[in-house]
PDB file of all heavy atoms in Angstrom:
ATOM      1  N   LEU A   1       8.931   9.856  -5.958  1.00  0.00           N
ATOM      2  CA  LEU A   1       7.817   9.656  -5.036  1.00  0.00           C
ATOM      3  C   LEU A   1       7.083  10.970  -4.809  1.00  0.00           C
ATOM      4  O   LEU A   1       5.846  11.002  -4.783  1.00  0.00           O
ATOM      5  CB  LEU A   1       8.330   9.077  -3.712  1.00  0.00           C
ATOM      6  CG  LEU A   1       7.279   8.789  -2.652  1.00  0.00           C
ATOM      7  CD1 LEU A   1       6.234   7.810  -3.184  1.00  0.00           C
ATOM      8  CD2 LEU A   1       7.930   8.227  -1.399  1.00  0.00           C
ATOM      9  N   ASP A   2       7.816  12.047  -4.703  1.00  0.00           N
ATOM     10  CA  ASP A   2       7.213  13.363  -4.503  1.00  0.00           C
ATOM     11  C   ASP A   2       6.276  13.705  -5.663  1.00  0.00           C
ATOM     12  O   ASP A   2       5.159  14.162  -5.449  1.00  0.00           O
ATOM     13  CB  ASP A   2       8.311  14.427  -4.364  1.00  0.00           C
ATOM     14  CG  ASP A   2       7.744  15.796  -4.118  1.00  0.00           C
ATOM     15  OD1 ASP A   2       7.005  15.976  -3.130  1.00  0.00           O
ATOM     16  OD2 ASP A   2       8.035  16.712  -4.927  1.00  0.00           O
ATOM     17  N   THR A   3       6.724  13.467  -6.882  1.00  0.00           N
ATOM     18  CA  THR A   3       5.890  13.742  -8.058  1.00  0.00           C
ATOM     19  C   THR A   3       4.668  12.829  -8.083  1.00  0.00           C
ATOM     20  O   THR A   3       3.558  13.268  -8.378  1.00  0.00           O
ATOM     21  CB  THR A   3       6.708  13.587  -9.355  1.00  0.00           C
ATOM     22  OG1 THR A   3       7.808  14.498  -9.319  1.00  0.00           O
ATOM     23  CG2 THR A   3       5.868  13.869 -10.582  1.00  0.00           C
ATOM     24  N   LEU A   4       4.856  11.566  -7.751  1.00  0.00           N
ATOM     25  CA  LEU A   4       3.739  10.624  -7.707  1.00  0.00           C
ATOM     26  C   LEU A   4       2.697  11.061  -6.682  1.00  0.00           C
ATOM     27  O   LEU A   4       1.491  11.017  -6.948  1.00  0.00           O
ATOM     28  CB  LEU A   4       4.233   9.214  -7.394  1.00  0.00           C
ATOM     29  CG  LEU A   4       3.165   8.122  -7.368  1.00  0.00           C
ATOM     30  CD1 LEU A   4       2.474   7.989  -8.720  1.00  0.00           C
ATOM     31  CD2 LEU A   4       3.784   6.797  -6.953  1.00  0.00           C
ATOM     32  N   VAL A   5       3.136  11.518  -5.526  1.00  0.00           N
ATOM     33  CA  VAL A   5       2.213  11.986  -4.481  1.00  0.00           C
ATOM     34  C   VAL A   5       1.455  13.220  -4.966  1.00  0.00           C
ATOM     35  O   VAL A   5       0.226  13.314  -4.799  1.00  0.00           O
ATOM     36  CB  VAL A   5       2.970  12.275  -3.162  1.00  0.00           C
ATOM     37  CG1 VAL A   5       2.093  13.018  -2.173  1.00  0.00           C
ATOM     38  CG2 VAL A   5       3.488  10.984  -2.559  1.00  0.00           C
ATOM     39  N   ARG A   6       2.151  14.165  -5.572  1.00  0.00           N
ATOM     40  CA  ARG A   6       1.479  15.364  -6.090  1.00  0.00           C
ATOM     41  C   ARG A   6       0.456  14.997  -7.158  1.00  0.00           C
ATOM     42  O   ARG A   6      -0.649  15.533  -7.194  1.00  0.00           O
ATOM     43  CB  ARG A   6       2.499  16.377  -6.620  1.00  0.00           C
ATOM     44  CG  ARG A   6       3.322  17.025  -5.519  1.00  0.00           C
ATOM     45  CD  ARG A   6       4.102  18.251  -5.972  1.00  0.00           C
ATOM     46  NE  ARG A   6       4.694  18.172  -7.294  1.00  0.00           N
ATOM     47  CZ  ARG A   6       5.987  17.945  -7.556  1.00  0.00           C
ATOM     48  NH1 ARG A   6       6.838  17.774  -6.560  1.00  0.00           N
ATOM     49  NH2 ARG A   6       6.432  17.905  -8.786  1.00  0.00           N
ATOM     50  N   LEU A   7       0.819  14.061  -8.034  1.00  0.00           N
ATOM     51  CA  LEU A   7      -0.107  13.597  -9.072  1.00  0.00           C
ATOM     52  C   LEU A   7      -1.352  12.959  -8.451  1.00  0.00           C
ATOM     53  O   LEU A   7      -2.480  13.280  -8.834  1.00  0.00           O
ATOM     54  CB  LEU A   7       0.580  12.578  -9.981  1.00  0.00           C
ATOM     55  CG  LEU A   7       1.244  13.098 -11.232  1.00  0.00           C
ATOM     56  CD1 LEU A   7       2.077  12.004 -11.892  1.00  0.00           C
ATOM     57  CD2 LEU A   7       0.229  13.642 -12.210  1.00  0.00           C
ATOM     58  N   ALA A   8      -1.135  12.044  -7.526  1.00  0.00           N
ATOM     59  CA  ALA A   8      -2.256  11.356  -6.883  1.00  0.00           C
ATOM     60  C   ALA A   8      -3.174  12.360  -6.188  1.00  0.00           C
ATOM     61  O   ALA A   8      -4.404  12.276  -6.321  1.00  0.00           O
ATOM     62  CB  ALA A   8      -1.746  10.311  -5.892  1.00  0.00           C
ATOM     63  N   ASN A   9      -2.594  13.301  -5.472  1.00  0.00           N
ATOM     64  CA  ASN A   9      -3.400  14.310  -4.783  1.00  0.00           C
ATOM     65  C   ASN A   9      -4.200  15.145  -5.778  1.00  0.00           C
ATOM     66  O   ASN A   9      -5.382  15.399  -5.570  1.00  0.00           O
ATOM     67  CB  ASN A   9      -2.524  15.216  -3.923  1.00  0.00           C
ATOM     68  CG  ASN A   9      -2.056  14.533  -2.666  1.00  0.00           C
ATOM     69  OD1 ASN A   9      -2.692  13.620  -2.162  1.00  0.00           O
ATOM     70  ND2 ASN A   9      -0.918  14.963  -2.159  1.00  0.00           N
ATOM     71  N   ARG A  10      -3.561  15.566  -6.849  1.00  0.00           N
ATOM     72  CA  ARG A  10      -4.252  16.402  -7.848  1.00  0.00           C
ATOM     73  C   ARG A  10      -5.349  15.624  -8.571  1.00  0.00           C
ATOM     74  O   ARG A  10      -6.407  16.160  -8.880  1.00  0.00           O
ATOM     75  CB  ARG A  10      -3.239  16.948  -8.866  1.00  0.00           C
ATOM     76  CG  ARG A  10      -3.859  17.776  -9.986  1.00  0.00           C
ATOM     77  CD  ARG A  10      -4.589  19.006  -9.420  1.00  0.00           C
ATOM     78  NE  ARG A  10      -5.246  19.762 -10.451  1.00  0.00           N
ATOM     79  CZ  ARG A  10      -6.528  19.595 -10.820  1.00  0.00           C
ATOM     80  NH1 ARG A  10      -7.281  18.675 -10.233  1.00  0.00           N
ATOM     81  NH2 ARG A  10      -7.058  20.347 -11.763  1.00  0.00           N
ATOM     82  N   LEU A  11      -5.099  14.341  -8.831  1.00  0.00           N
ATOM     83  CA  LEU A  11      -6.068  13.514  -9.539  1.00  0.00           C
ATOM     84  C   LEU A  11      -7.161  12.971  -8.609  1.00  0.00           C
ATOM     85  O   LEU A  11      -8.151  12.416  -9.072  1.00  0.00           O
ATOM     86  CB  LEU A  11      -5.357  12.352 -10.249  1.00  0.00           C
ATOM     87  CG  LEU A  11      -4.397  12.757 -11.368  1.00  0.00           C
ATOM     88  CD1 LEU A  11      -3.609  11.550 -11.847  1.00  0.00           C
ATOM     89  CD2 LEU A  11      -5.143  13.421 -12.517  1.00  0.00           C
ATOM     90  N   GLY A  12      -6.945  13.107  -7.301  1.00  0.00           N
ATOM     91  CA  GLY A  12      -7.939  12.646  -6.336  1.00  0.00           C
ATOM     92  C   GLY A  12      -7.985  11.136  -6.185  1.00  0.00           C
ATOM     93  O   GLY A  12      -9.048  10.565  -5.943  1.00  0.00           O
ATOM     94  N   VAL A  13      -6.821  10.502  -6.337  1.00  0.00           N
ATOM     95  CA  VAL A  13      -6.733   9.046  -6.184  1.00  0.00           C
ATOM     96  C   VAL A  13      -5.651   8.729  -5.151  1.00  0.00           C
ATOM     97  O   VAL A  13      -4.874   9.591  -4.769  1.00  0.00           O
ATOM     98  CB  VAL A  13      -6.413   8.343  -7.531  1.00  0.00           C
ATOM     99  CG1 VAL A  13      -7.539   8.562  -8.524  1.00  0.00           C
ATOM    100  CG2 VAL A  13      -5.081   8.806  -8.104  1.00  0.00           C
ATOM    101  N   THR A  14      -5.619   7.480  -4.720  1.00  0.00           N
ATOM    102  CA  THR A  14      -4.612   7.079  -3.741  1.00  0.00           C
ATOM    103  C   THR A  14      -3.385   6.511  -4.446  1.00  0.00           C
ATOM    104  O   THR A  14      -3.460   6.066  -5.595  1.00  0.00           O
ATOM    105  CB  THR A  14      -5.176   6.012  -2.788  1.00  0.00           C
ATOM    106  OG1 THR A  14      -5.543   4.858  -3.551  1.00  0.00           O
ATOM    107  CG2 THR A  14      -6.375   6.537  -2.016  1.00  0.00           C
ATOM    108  N   ILE A  15      -2.279   6.506  -3.732  1.00  0.00           N
ATOM    109  CA  ILE A  15      -1.039   5.932  -4.258  1.00  0.00           C
ATOM    110  C   ILE A  15      -1.224   4.441  -4.515  1.00  0.00           C
ATOM    111  O   ILE A  15      -0.770   3.931  -5.545  1.00  0.00           O
ATOM    112  CB  ILE A  15       0.135   6.163  -3.277  1.00  0.00           C
ATOM    113  CG1 ILE A  15       0.417   7.657  -3.093  1.00  0.00           C
ATOM    114  CG2 ILE A  15       1.379   5.428  -3.744  1.00  0.00           C
ATOM    115  CD1 ILE A  15       0.957   8.366  -4.297  1.00  0.00           C
ATOM    116  N   ASP A  16      -1.908   3.732  -3.618  1.00  0.00           N
ATOM    117  CA  ASP A  16      -2.080   2.293  -3.835  1.00  0.00           C
ATOM    118  C   ASP A  16      -2.910   2.027  -5.087  1.00  0.00           C
ATOM    119  O   ASP A  16      -2.657   1.073  -5.811  1.00  0.00           O
ATOM    120  CB  ASP A  16      -2.647   1.580  -2.610  1.00  0.00           C
ATOM    121  CG  ASP A  16      -4.007   2.069  -2.168  1.00  0.00           C
ATOM    122  OD1 ASP A  16      -4.326   3.249  -2.402  1.00  0.00           O
ATOM    123  OD2 ASP A  16      -4.750   1.272  -1.579  1.00  0.00           O
ATOM    124  N   TYR A  17      -3.867   2.888  -5.387  1.00  0.00           N
ATOM    125  CA  TYR A  17      -4.624   2.743  -6.634  1.00  0.00           C
ATOM    126  C   TYR A  17      -3.691   2.928  -7.828  1.00  0.00           C
ATOM    127  O   TYR A  17      -3.739   2.165  -8.796  1.00  0.00           O
ATOM    128  CB  TYR A  17      -5.774   3.756  -6.687  1.00  0.00           C
ATOM    129  CG  TYR A  17      -6.418   3.848  -8.048  1.00  0.00           C
ATOM    130  CD1 TYR A  17      -7.287   2.858  -8.483  1.00  0.00           C
ATOM    131  CD2 TYR A  17      -6.135   4.908  -8.904  1.00  0.00           C
ATOM    132  CE1 TYR A  17      -7.874   2.921  -9.740  1.00  0.00           C
ATOM    133  CE2 TYR A  17      -6.708   4.975 -10.158  1.00  0.00           C
ATOM    134  CZ  TYR A  17      -7.572   3.985 -10.578  1.00  0.00           C
ATOM    135  OH  TYR A  17      -8.136   4.055 -11.824  1.00  0.00           O
ATOM    136  N   MET A  18      -2.833   3.938  -7.758  1.00  0.00           N
ATOM    137  CA  MET A  18      -1.918   4.230  -8.863  1.00  0.00           C
ATOM    138  C   MET A  18      -0.941   3.081  -9.100  1.00  0.00           C
ATOM    139  O   MET A  18      -0.579   2.793 -10.234  1.00  0.00           O
ATOM    140  CB  MET A  18      -1.127   5.514  -8.581  1.00  0.00           C
ATOM    141  CG  MET A  18      -1.987   6.739  -8.423  1.00  0.00           C
ATOM    142  SD  MET A  18      -2.619   7.360  -9.967  1.00  0.00           S
ATOM    143  CE  MET A  18      -1.232   8.266 -10.525  1.00  0.00           C
ATOM    144  N   LEU A  19      -0.514   2.416  -8.029  1.00  0.00           N
ATOM    145  CA  LEU A  19       0.519   1.384  -8.144  1.00  0.00           C
ATOM    146  C   LEU A  19      -0.025  -0.039  -8.097  1.00  0.00           C
ATOM    147  O   LEU A  19       0.750  -0.987  -8.117  1.00  0.00           O
ATOM    148  CB  LEU A  19       1.549   1.572  -7.027  1.00  0.00           C
ATOM    149  CG  LEU A  19       2.306   2.900  -7.044  1.00  0.00           C
ATOM    150  CD1 LEU A  19       3.237   2.988  -5.844  1.00  0.00           C
ATOM    151  CD2 LEU A  19       3.073   3.087  -8.338  1.00  0.00           C
ATOM    152  N   ALA A  20      -1.335  -0.189  -8.057  1.00  0.00           N
ATOM    153  CA  ALA A  20      -1.936  -1.521  -7.899  1.00  0.00           C
ATOM    154  C   ALA A  20      -1.459  -2.515  -8.949  1.00  0.00           C
ATOM    155  O   ALA A  20      -1.270  -3.694  -8.650  1.00  0.00           O
ATOM    156  CB  ALA A  20      -3.457  -1.421  -7.923  1.00  0.00           C
ATOM    157  N   ASP A  21      -1.250  -2.068 -10.174  1.00  0.00           N
ATOM    158  CA  ASP A  21      -0.792  -2.974 -11.230  1.00  0.00           C
ATOM    159  C   ASP A  21       0.657  -3.405 -11.052  1.00  0.00           C
ATOM    160  O   ASP A  21       1.102  -4.351 -11.692  1.00  0.00           O
ATOM    161  CB  ASP A  21      -0.949  -2.315 -12.603  1.00  0.00           C
ATOM    162  CG  ASP A  21      -2.405  -2.078 -12.969  1.00  0.00           C
ATOM    163  OD1 ASP A  21      -3.275  -2.807 -12.446  1.00  0.00           O
ATOM    164  OD2 ASP A  21      -2.669  -1.177 -13.780  1.00  0.00           O
ATOM    165  N   SER A  22       1.388  -2.706 -10.205  1.00  0.00           N
ATOM    166  CA  SER A  22       2.808  -2.996 -10.024  1.00  0.00           C
ATOM    167  C   SER A  22       3.090  -3.925  -8.851  1.00  0.00           C
ATOM    168  O   SER A  22       4.209  -4.397  -8.692  1.00  0.00           O
ATOM    169  CB  SER A  22       3.583  -1.696  -9.814  1.00  0.00           C
ATOM    170  OG  SER A  22       3.445  -0.866 -10.944  1.00  0.00           O
ATOM    171  N   VAL A  23       2.091  -4.163  -8.015  1.00  0.00           N
ATOM    172  CA  VAL A  23       2.284  -4.995  -6.833  1.00  0.00           C
ATOM    173  C   VAL A  23       1.709  -6.378  -7.112  1.00  0.00           C
ATOM    174  O   VAL A  23       0.545  -6.512  -7.486  1.00  0.00           O
ATOM    175  CB  VAL A  23       1.584  -4.369  -5.599  1.00  0.00           C
ATOM    176  CG1 VAL A  23       1.729  -5.258  -4.383  1.00  0.00           C
ATOM    177  CG2 VAL A  23       2.137  -2.983  -5.327  1.00  0.00           C
ATOM    178  N   SER A  24       2.536  -7.386  -6.932  1.00  0.00           N
ATOM    179  CA  SER A  24       2.059  -8.744  -7.189  1.00  0.00           C
ATOM    180  C   SER A  24       1.345  -9.285  -5.952  1.00  0.00           C
ATOM    181  O   SER A  24       1.713  -8.993  -4.823  1.00  0.00           O
ATOM    182  CB  SER A  24       3.222  -9.660  -7.559  1.00  0.00           C
ATOM    183  OG  SER A  24       4.154  -9.717  -6.507  1.00  0.00           O
ATOM    184  N   ASP A  25       0.315 -10.063  -6.203  1.00  0.00           N
ATOM    185  CA  ASP A  25      -0.444 -10.666  -5.114  1.00  0.00           C
ATOM    186  C   ASP A  25      -0.016 -12.115  -4.929  1.00  0.00           C
ATOM    187  O   ASP A  25      -0.686 -13.039  -5.359  1.00  0.00           O
ATOM    188  CB  ASP A  25      -1.950 -10.616  -5.410  1.00  0.00           C
ATOM    189  CG  ASP A  25      -2.529  -9.239  -5.235  1.00  0.00           C
ATOM    190  OD1 ASP A  25      -1.989  -8.470  -4.435  1.00  0.00           O
ATOM    191  OD2 ASP A  25      -3.535  -8.940  -5.889  1.00  0.00           O
ATOM    192  N   ASN A  26       1.142 -12.303  -4.305  1.00  0.00           N
ATOM    193  CA  ASN A  26       1.563 -13.664  -3.993  1.00  0.00           C
ATOM    194  C   ASN A  26       1.463 -13.857  -2.483  1.00  0.00           C
ATOM    195  O   ASN A  26       1.255 -12.909  -1.735  1.00  0.00           O
ATOM    196  CB  ASN A  26       2.975 -13.945  -4.521  1.00  0.00           C
ATOM    197  CG  ASN A  26       3.998 -12.969  -3.984  1.00  0.00           C
ATOM    198  OD1 ASN A  26       3.947 -12.590  -2.818  1.00  0.00           O
ATOM    199  ND2 ASN A  26       4.931 -12.550  -4.821  1.00  0.00           N
ATOM    200  N   ASP A  27       1.593 -15.096  -2.048  1.00  0.00           N
ATOM    201  CA  ASP A  27       1.406 -15.400  -0.622  1.00  0.00           C
ATOM    202  C   ASP A  27       2.328 -14.598   0.285  1.00  0.00           C
ATOM    203  O   ASP A  27       1.894 -14.064   1.300  1.00  0.00           O
ATOM    204  CB  ASP A  27       1.599 -16.894  -0.361  1.00  0.00           C
ATOM    205  CG  ASP A  27       0.378 -17.718  -0.732  1.00  0.00           C
ATOM    206  OD1 ASP A  27      -0.681 -17.118  -1.015  1.00  0.00           O
ATOM    207  OD2 ASP A  27       0.481 -18.949  -0.739  1.00  0.00           O
ATOM    208  N   SER A  28       3.606 -14.487  -0.079  1.00  0.00           N
ATOM    209  CA  SER A  28       4.536 -13.780   0.805  1.00  0.00           C
ATOM    210  C   SER A  28       4.197 -12.291   0.886  1.00  0.00           C
ATOM    211  O   SER A  28       4.323 -11.675   1.938  1.00  0.00           O
ATOM    212  CB  SER A  28       5.980 -13.990   0.369  1.00  0.00           C
ATOM    213  OG  SER A  28       6.192 -13.472  -0.926  1.00  0.00           O
ATOM    214  N   ASN A  29       3.712 -11.719  -0.206  1.00  0.00           N
ATOM    215  CA  ASN A  29       3.324 -10.316  -0.202  1.00  0.00           C
ATOM    216  C   ASN A  29       2.086 -10.106   0.672  1.00  0.00           C
ATOM    217  O   ASN A  29       2.005  -9.161   1.443  1.00  0.00           O
ATOM    218  CB  ASN A  29       3.063  -9.841  -1.631  1.00  0.00           C
ATOM    219  CG  ASN A  29       2.829  -8.347  -1.710  1.00  0.00           C
ATOM    220  OD1 ASN A  29       3.054  -7.617  -0.770  1.00  0.00           O
ATOM    221  ND2 ASN A  29       2.372  -7.897  -2.850  1.00  0.00           N
ATOM    222  N   ILE A  30       1.126 -11.003   0.554  1.00  0.00           N
ATOM    223  CA  ILE A  30      -0.092 -10.907   1.366  1.00  0.00           C
ATOM    224  C   ILE A  30       0.243 -11.041   2.846  1.00  0.00           C
ATOM    225  O   ILE A  30      -0.236 -10.279   3.687  1.00  0.00           O
ATOM    226  CB  ILE A  30      -1.114 -11.995   0.948  1.00  0.00           C
ATOM    227  CG1 ILE A  30      -1.556 -11.801  -0.499  1.00  0.00           C
ATOM    228  CG2 ILE A  30      -2.302 -12.036   1.894  1.00  0.00           C
ATOM    229  CD1 ILE A  30      -2.349 -10.548  -0.762  1.00  0.00           C
ATOM    230  N   ILE A  31       1.092 -11.996   3.180  1.00  0.00           N
ATOM    231  CA  ILE A  31       1.495 -12.196   4.579  1.00  0.00           C
ATOM    232  C   ILE A  31       2.216 -10.965   5.101  1.00  0.00           C
ATOM    233  O   ILE A  31       1.989 -10.535   6.233  1.00  0.00           O
ATOM    234  CB  ILE A  31       2.350 -13.473   4.720  1.00  0.00           C
ATOM    235  CG1 ILE A  31       1.459 -14.696   4.479  1.00  0.00           C
ATOM    236  CG2 ILE A  31       3.029 -13.538   6.080  1.00  0.00           C
ATOM    237  CD1 ILE A  31       2.212 -15.999   4.311  1.00  0.00           C
ATOM    238  N   GLU A  32       3.063 -10.352   4.265  1.00  0.00           N
ATOM    239  CA  GLU A  32       3.768  -9.138   4.681  1.00  0.00           C
ATOM    240  C   GLU A  32       2.778  -8.003   4.922  1.00  0.00           C
ATOM    241  O   GLU A  32       2.943  -7.220   5.865  1.00  0.00           O
ATOM    242  CB  GLU A  32       4.805  -8.734   3.634  1.00  0.00           C
ATOM    243  CG  GLU A  32       5.606  -7.509   4.008  1.00  0.00           C
ATOM    244  CD  GLU A  32       6.335  -7.618   5.350  1.00  0.00           C
ATOM    245  OE1 GLU A  32       6.730  -8.726   5.758  1.00  0.00           O
ATOM    246  OE2 GLU A  32       6.499  -6.574   6.015  1.00  0.00           O
ATOM    247  N   GLN A  33       1.741  -7.911   4.115  1.00  0.00           N
ATOM    248  CA  GLN A  33       0.724  -6.881   4.332  1.00  0.00           C
ATOM    249  C   GLN A  33       0.015  -7.097   5.670  1.00  0.00           C
ATOM    250  O   GLN A  33      -0.211  -6.146   6.417  1.00  0.00           O
ATOM    251  CB  GLN A  33      -0.293  -6.884   3.191  1.00  0.00           C
ATOM    252  CG  GLN A  33       0.264  -6.363   1.883  1.00  0.00           C
ATOM    253  CD  GLN A  33      -0.768  -6.431   0.778  1.00  0.00           C
ATOM    254  OE1 GLN A  33      -1.902  -5.991   0.958  1.00  0.00           O
ATOM    255  NE2 GLN A  33      -0.386  -6.986  -0.356  1.00  0.00           N
ATOM    256  N   PHE A  34      -0.326  -8.351   5.981  1.00  0.00           N
ATOM    257  CA  PHE A  34      -0.923  -8.652   7.293  1.00  0.00           C
ATOM    258  C   PHE A  34       0.023  -8.245   8.415  1.00  0.00           C
ATOM    259  O   PHE A  34      -0.389  -7.656   9.412  1.00  0.00           O
ATOM    260  CB  PHE A  34      -1.243 -10.139   7.419  1.00  0.00           C
ATOM    261  CG  PHE A  34      -2.538 -10.555   6.796  1.00  0.00           C
ATOM    262  CD1 PHE A  34      -2.545 -11.458   5.746  1.00  0.00           C
ATOM    263  CD2 PHE A  34      -3.750 -10.063   7.255  1.00  0.00           C
ATOM    264  CE1 PHE A  34      -3.736 -11.849   5.159  1.00  0.00           C
ATOM    265  CE2 PHE A  34      -4.950 -10.454   6.683  1.00  0.00           C
ATOM    266  CZ  PHE A  34      -4.942 -11.345   5.626  1.00  0.00           C
ATOM    267  N   ARG A  35       1.292  -8.568   8.249  1.00  0.00           N
ATOM    268  CA  ARG A  35       2.287  -8.245   9.271  1.00  0.00           C
ATOM    269  C   ARG A  35       2.367  -6.738   9.489  1.00  0.00           C
ATOM    270  O   ARG A  35       2.405  -6.257  10.629  1.00  0.00           O
ATOM    271  CB  ARG A  35       3.649  -8.811   8.850  1.00  0.00           C
ATOM    272  CG  ARG A  35       4.705  -8.664   9.941  1.00  0.00           C
ATOM    273  CD  ARG A  35       5.984  -9.397   9.604  1.00  0.00           C
ATOM    274  NE  ARG A  35       5.740 -10.836   9.709  1.00  0.00           N
ATOM    275  CZ  ARG A  35       5.933 -11.710   8.707  1.00  0.00           C
ATOM    276  NH1 ARG A  35       6.378 -11.314   7.546  1.00  0.00           N
ATOM    277  NH2 ARG A  35       5.688 -12.987   8.884  1.00  0.00           N
ATOM    278  N   GLN A  36       2.373  -5.962   8.409  1.00  0.00           N
ATOM    279  CA  GLN A  36       2.452  -4.510   8.529  1.00  0.00           C
ATOM    280  C   GLN A  36       1.232  -3.944   9.260  1.00  0.00           C
ATOM    281  O   GLN A  36       1.347  -3.035  10.072  1.00  0.00           O
ATOM    282  CB  GLN A  36       2.575  -3.864   7.148  1.00  0.00           C
ATOM    283  CG  GLN A  36       3.916  -4.087   6.505  1.00  0.00           C
ATOM    284  CD  GLN A  36       3.961  -3.582   5.075  1.00  0.00           C
ATOM    285  OE1 GLN A  36       2.984  -3.047   4.553  1.00  0.00           O
ATOM    286  NE2 GLN A  36       5.097  -3.744   4.430  1.00  0.00           N
ATOM    287  N   ILE A  37       0.071  -4.512   8.957  1.00  0.00           N
ATOM    288  CA  ILE A  37      -1.168  -4.034   9.589  1.00  0.00           C
ATOM    289  C   ILE A  37      -1.182  -4.364  11.071  1.00  0.00           C
ATOM    290  O   ILE A  37      -1.606  -3.560  11.906  1.00  0.00           O
ATOM    291  CB  ILE A  37      -2.401  -4.649   8.895  1.00  0.00           C
ATOM    292  CG1 ILE A  37      -2.541  -4.079   7.483  1.00  0.00           C
ATOM    293  CG2 ILE A  37      -3.670  -4.398   9.701  1.00  0.00           C
ATOM    294  CD1 ILE A  37      -3.559  -4.809   6.635  1.00  0.00           C
ATOM    295  N   THR A  38      -0.706  -5.542  11.436  1.00  0.00           N
ATOM    296  CA  THR A  38      -0.838  -6.001  12.826  1.00  0.00           C
ATOM    297  C   THR A  38       0.348  -5.668  13.722  1.00  0.00           C
ATOM    298  O   THR A  38       0.211  -5.732  14.937  1.00  0.00           O
ATOM    299  CB  THR A  38      -1.067  -7.528  12.864  1.00  0.00           C
ATOM    300  OG1 THR A  38       0.047  -8.186  12.259  1.00  0.00           O
ATOM    301  CG2 THR A  38      -2.350  -7.906  12.168  1.00  0.00           C
ATOM    302  N   ASP A  39       1.479  -5.312  13.157  1.00  0.00           N
ATOM    303  CA  ASP A  39       2.689  -5.075  13.963  1.00  0.00           C
ATOM    304  C   ASP A  39       2.472  -4.136  15.144  1.00  0.00           C
ATOM    305  O   ASP A  39       2.932  -4.400  16.240  1.00  0.00           O
ATOM    306  CB  ASP A  39       3.831  -4.531  13.103  1.00  0.00           C
ATOM    307  CG  ASP A  39       4.710  -5.628  12.554  1.00  0.00           C
ATOM    308  OD1 ASP A  39       4.522  -6.798  12.942  1.00  0.00           O
ATOM    309  OD2 ASP A  39       5.578  -5.326  11.718  1.00  0.00           O
ATOM    310  N   CYS A  40       1.766  -3.053  14.935  1.00  0.00           N
ATOM    311  CA  CYS A  40       1.642  -2.050  16.006  1.00  0.00           C
ATOM    312  C   CYS A  40       0.414  -2.281  16.882  1.00  0.00           C
ATOM    313  O   CYS A  40       0.118  -1.468  17.751  1.00  0.00           O
ATOM    314  CB  CYS A  40       1.608  -0.650  15.397  1.00  0.00           C
ATOM    315  SG  CYS A  40       0.219  -0.393  14.281  1.00  0.00           S
ATOM    316  N   GLN A  41      -0.265  -3.389  16.682  1.00  0.00           N
ATOM    317  CA  GLN A  41      -1.474  -3.662  17.453  1.00  0.00           C
ATOM    318  C   GLN A  41      -1.162  -4.493  18.700  1.00  0.00           C
ATOM    319  O   GLN A  41      -0.260  -5.320  18.684  1.00  0.00           O
ATOM    320  CB  GLN A  41      -2.495  -4.412  16.589  1.00  0.00           C
ATOM    321  CG  GLN A  41      -2.964  -3.632  15.384  1.00  0.00           C
ATOM    322  CD  GLN A  41      -3.681  -2.356  15.758  1.00  0.00           C
ATOM    323  OE1 GLN A  41      -4.442  -2.314  16.723  1.00  0.00           O
ATOM    324  NE2 GLN A  41      -3.433  -1.307  14.996  1.00  0.00           N
ATOM    325  N   PRO A  42      -1.917  -4.284  19.753  1.00  0.00           N
ATOM    326  CA  PRO A  42      -1.721  -5.107  20.953  1.00  0.00           C
ATOM    327  C   PRO A  42      -2.137  -6.563  20.687  1.00  0.00           C
ATOM    328  O   PRO A  42      -2.912  -6.843  19.755  1.00  0.00           O
ATOM    329  CB  PRO A  42      -2.638  -4.473  21.998  1.00  0.00           C
ATOM    330  CG  PRO A  42      -3.433  -3.433  21.323  1.00  0.00           C
ATOM    331  CD  PRO A  42      -2.929  -3.263  19.934  1.00  0.00           C
ATOM    332  N   LEU A  43      -1.632  -7.456  21.487  1.00  0.00           N
ATOM    333  CA  LEU A  43      -1.880  -8.887  21.330  1.00  0.00           C
ATOM    334  C   LEU A  43      -3.368  -9.221  21.268  1.00  0.00           C
ATOM    335  O   LEU A  43      -3.790 -10.042  20.450  1.00  0.00           O
ATOM    336  CB  LEU A  43      -1.203  -9.660  22.474  1.00  0.00           C
ATOM    337  CG  LEU A  43      -1.293 -11.169  22.411  1.00  0.00           C
ATOM    338  CD1 LEU A  43      -0.658 -11.685  21.123  1.00  0.00           C
ATOM    339  CD2 LEU A  43      -0.620 -11.784  23.619  1.00  0.00           C
ATOM    340  N   GLU A  44      -4.174  -8.574  22.107  1.00  0.00           N
ATOM    341  CA  GLU A  44      -5.614  -8.864  22.125  1.00  0.00           C
ATOM    342  C   GLU A  44      -6.250  -8.564  20.765  1.00  0.00           C
ATOM    343  O   GLU A  44      -7.108  -9.305  20.292  1.00  0.00           O
ATOM    344  CB  GLU A  44      -6.339  -8.039  23.200  1.00  0.00           C
ATOM    345  CG  GLU A  44      -5.764  -8.123  24.598  1.00  0.00           C
ATOM    346  CD  GLU A  44      -4.597  -7.160  24.793  1.00  0.00           C
ATOM    347  OE1 GLU A  44      -4.719  -5.944  24.517  1.00  0.00           O
ATOM    348  OE2 GLU A  44      -3.543  -7.643  25.229  1.00  0.00           O
TER     349      GLU A  44
END
């Protein structure tokens, strides 16, 4: 991970861009992404 971060920083790209081909877009993955985004947010 350390090497990947150094590479991404040097190349001027994000880690998610580098790994986009490795992450599958299925329903459970999408729902988990929503959960991660909203977990720390207030109810409103």
